[in-house]
Amino acid sequence: MIVIADANVLIDLGLVNGLGVLTQLAQVEVLDVVFNECTAPSQLQDLIISVGIQKIEVTIDWLLASRQYQQGELSSPDALCLYYAKTFECGLITNDKPLRKASQQQGIEIHGTLWIIRQAYEQKILSSNELCKWISTLGKLDRRMPAQEVGKLRDLMGC
């Protein structure tokens, strides 16, 4: 599966040193405009490249075509991610609610940080203890995670 990654998920995974887990789950691409948003934690851009996430250069044609999706709360980078996922038939990894909603309306497969954690657990990529630490760390940093889903995941993994 090929997925296009949004900045919020890359930042989440950077905070828990988990970018390598994502690349074990899928072939990951990031648009250059999204890559440029990934400035914290420090050296996140270097980590993104080092784990094999492919940076895709946005063309002016894509920028113009993506404007059809830039409605409501969608930013220009969000609209580009939606356009790219739709046009090149790949999945989308994001925690951004407006982007998730717009992508669902377009029939795009969407996942987020909690899906990555669940997959890492189910595929035994990391121990439940380590993944529980991820959830705790991300919760303390006030990252976007729905409480009910976090609770279900904690119960599944025995956190």
Protein backbone atom coordinates (compact mmCIF):
# COMPACT_ATOMS: atom_id res chain seq x y z
CA MET A 1 0.00 0.00 0.00
CA ILE A 2 1.23 3.51 -0.84
CA VAL A 3 0.18 6.30 1.52
CA ILE A 4 0.68 10.04 1.47
CA ALA A 5 1.50 11.40 4.93
CA ASP A 6 0.25 14.62 6.46
CA ALA A 7 2.49 16.64 8.78
CA ASN A 8 0.55 15.95 11.99
CA VAL A 9 1.18 12.20 11.82
CA LEU A 10 4.84 12.66 10.91
CA ILE A 11 5.22 15.02 13.87
CA ASP A 12 3.45 12.55 16.19
CA LEU A 13 5.75 9.75 15.09
CA GLY A 14 8.79 12.00 15.36
CA LEU A 15 7.87 12.74 18.97
CA VAL A 16 7.92 9.03 19.85
CA ASN A 17 10.75 8.02 17.51
CA GLY A 18 8.31 5.95 15.48
CA LEU A 19 8.80 6.98 11.86
CA GLY A 20 10.43 3.65 11.10
CA VAL A 21 7.28 1.83 12.18
CA LEU A 22 5.22 3.68 9.58
CA THR A 23 7.57 2.64 6.79
CA GLN A 24 7.23 -0.99 7.91
CA LEU A 25 3.47 -0.71 7.39
CA ALA A 26 3.38 0.98 3.99
CA GLN A 27 5.33 2.72 1.27
CA VAL A 28 5.16 6.33 2.45
CA GLU A 29 5.35 9.54 0.47
CA VAL A 30 5.23 13.15 1.65
CA LEU A 31 4.59 16.22 -0.48
CA ASP A 32 7.35 18.80 -0.32
CA VAL A 33 4.95 21.45 1.04
CA VAL A 34 4.03 19.09 3.89
CA PHE A 35 7.66 18.12 4.42
CA ASN A 36 8.46 21.81 4.88
CA GLU A 37 5.94 21.95 7.77
CA CYS A 38 7.86 19.24 9.64
CA THR A 39 10.29 21.39 11.59
CA ALA A 40 9.65 20.11 15.11
CA PRO A 41 10.85 18.03 16.82
CA SER A 42 14.34 19.03 15.77
CA GLN A 43 15.87 17.07 12.90
CA LEU A 44 12.46 15.65 11.94
CA GLN A 45 13.11 16.28 8.26
CA ASP A 46 16.37 14.33 8.44
CA LEU A 47 14.57 11.46 10.17
CA ILE A 48 11.81 11.44 7.54
CA ILE A 49 14.37 11.00 4.77
CA SER A 50 16.51 8.52 6.72
CA VAL A 51 13.64 6.04 7.21
CA GLY A 52 12.90 6.01 3.49
CA ILE A 53 9.88 8.27 3.20
CA GLN A 54 9.91 9.63 -0.34
CA LYS A 55 9.59 13.39 -0.77
CA ILE A 56 7.41 14.33 -3.74
CA GLU A 57 7.87 17.67 -5.48
CA VAL A 58 4.52 19.42 -6.04
CA THR A 59 3.93 20.75 -9.53
CA ILE A 60 2.08 23.94 -10.39
CA ASP A 61 -0.50 21.82 -12.21
CA TRP A 62 -1.24 19.91 -9.00
CA LEU A 63 -1.47 23.15 -7.06
CA LEU A 64 -4.01 24.55 -9.49
CA ALA A 65 -6.00 21.31 -9.67
CA SER A 66 -6.06 20.94 -5.88
CA ARG A 67 -7.90 24.24 -5.47
CA GLN A 68 -11.16 22.45 -6.24
CA TYR A 69 -10.80 20.75 -2.84
CA GLN A 70 -9.77 23.83 -0.87
CA GLN A 71 -13.11 24.52 0.76
CA GLY A 72 -14.05 25.16 4.35
CA GLU A 73 -11.21 24.48 6.75
CA LEU A 74 -8.84 22.76 4.30
CA SER A 75 -5.48 24.47 3.94
CA SER A 76 -3.60 24.50 0.66
CA PRO A 77 -1.28 21.63 1.80
CA ASP A 78 -4.35 19.64 2.92
CA ALA A 79 -6.04 20.17 -0.44
CA LEU A 80 -2.84 19.05 -2.16
CA CYS A 81 -2.71 15.87 -0.06
CA LEU A 82 -6.34 15.16 -0.93
CA TYR A 83 -5.71 15.83 -4.62
CA TYR A 84 -2.61 13.63 -4.65
CA ALA A 85 -4.30 10.73 -2.85
CA LYS A 86 -7.32 10.91 -5.16
CA THR A 87 -5.33 11.33 -8.38
CA PHE A 88 -2.68 8.70 -7.68
CA GLU A 89 -5.03 6.31 -5.85
CA CYS A 90 -3.12 6.05 -2.61
CA GLY A 91 -4.14 6.10 1.02
CA LEU A 92 -3.82 9.09 3.31
CA ILE A 93 -2.34 9.21 6.80
CA THR A 94 -3.66 12.20 8.77
CA ASN A 95 -5.21 13.18 12.08
CA ASP A 96 -6.71 16.37 10.67
CA LYS A 97 -10.49 16.14 11.02
CA PRO A 98 -11.46 18.37 8.06
CA LEU A 99 -9.00 16.54 5.80
CA ARG A 100 -10.27 13.17 6.98
CA LYS A 101 -13.87 14.18 6.31
CA ALA A 102 -13.12 15.59 2.83
CA SER A 103 -11.07 12.49 1.98
CA GLN A 104 -13.84 10.14 3.08
CA GLN A 105 -16.24 12.00 0.81
CA GLN A 106 -13.84 11.29 -2.07
CA GLY A 107 -13.57 7.60 -1.21
CA ILE A 108 -9.94 7.77 -0.10
CA GLU A 109 -8.64 5.24 2.44
CA ILE A 110 -7.68 7.20 5.56
CA HIS A 111 -5.72 6.26 8.66
CA GLY A 112 -4.08 8.14 11.51
CA THR A 113 -1.68 7.77 14.39
CA LEU A 114 -3.93 5.39 16.33
CA TRP A 115 -4.18 3.08 13.31
CA ILE A 116 -0.38 3.03 13.11
CA ILE A 117 -0.17 2.11 16.80
CA ARG A 118 -2.80 -0.62 16.39
CA GLN A 119 -1.04 -2.05 13.33
CA ALA A 120 2.33 -1.99 15.09
CA TYR A 121 0.74 -3.93 17.96
CA GLU A 122 -1.16 -6.42 15.79
CA GLN A 123 1.83 -7.06 13.54
CA LYS A 124 4.12 -7.33 16.57
CA ILE A 125 6.44 -4.62 15.28
CA LEU A 126 6.77 -3.18 18.79
CA SER A 127 5.77 -4.41 22.22
CA SER A 128 2.53 -3.28 23.80
CA ASN A 129 4.61 -1.71 26.57
CA GLU A 130 6.45 0.51 24.07
CA LEU A 131 3.25 1.43 22.23
CA CYS A 132 1.54 2.27 25.53
CA LYS A 133 4.42 4.69 26.17
CA TRP A 134 3.68 6.27 22.78
CA ILE A 135 0.06 6.85 23.73
CA SER A 136 1.07 8.30 27.09
CA THR A 137 3.68 10.61 25.54
CA LEU A 138 1.34 11.83 22.82
CA GLY A 139 -1.43 12.38 25.37
CA LYS A 140 0.84 14.48 27.57
CA LEU A 141 1.81 16.57 24.54
CA ASP A 142 -1.87 17.15 23.73
CA ARG A 143 -1.69 15.54 20.28
CA ARG A 144 -5.00 15.02 18.45
CA MET A 145 -6.38 11.65 19.54
CA PRO A 146 -10.04 10.86 20.27
CA ALA A 147 -10.38 9.77 23.89
CA GLN A 148 -12.80 6.93 23.19
CA GLU A 149 -10.51 5.39 20.56
CA VAL A 150 -7.49 5.83 22.80
CA GLY A 151 -9.36 4.03 25.57
CA LYS A 152 -10.20 1.09 23.30
CA LEU A 153 -6.60 0.85 22.16
CA ARG A 154 -5.30 0.99 25.73
CA ASP A 155 -7.68 -1.82 26.69
CA LEU A 156 -6.60 -3.92 23.68
CA MET A 157 -2.92 -3.55 24.51
CA GLY A 158 -3.29 -3.77 28.28
CA CYS A 159 -1.99 -0.28 29.04
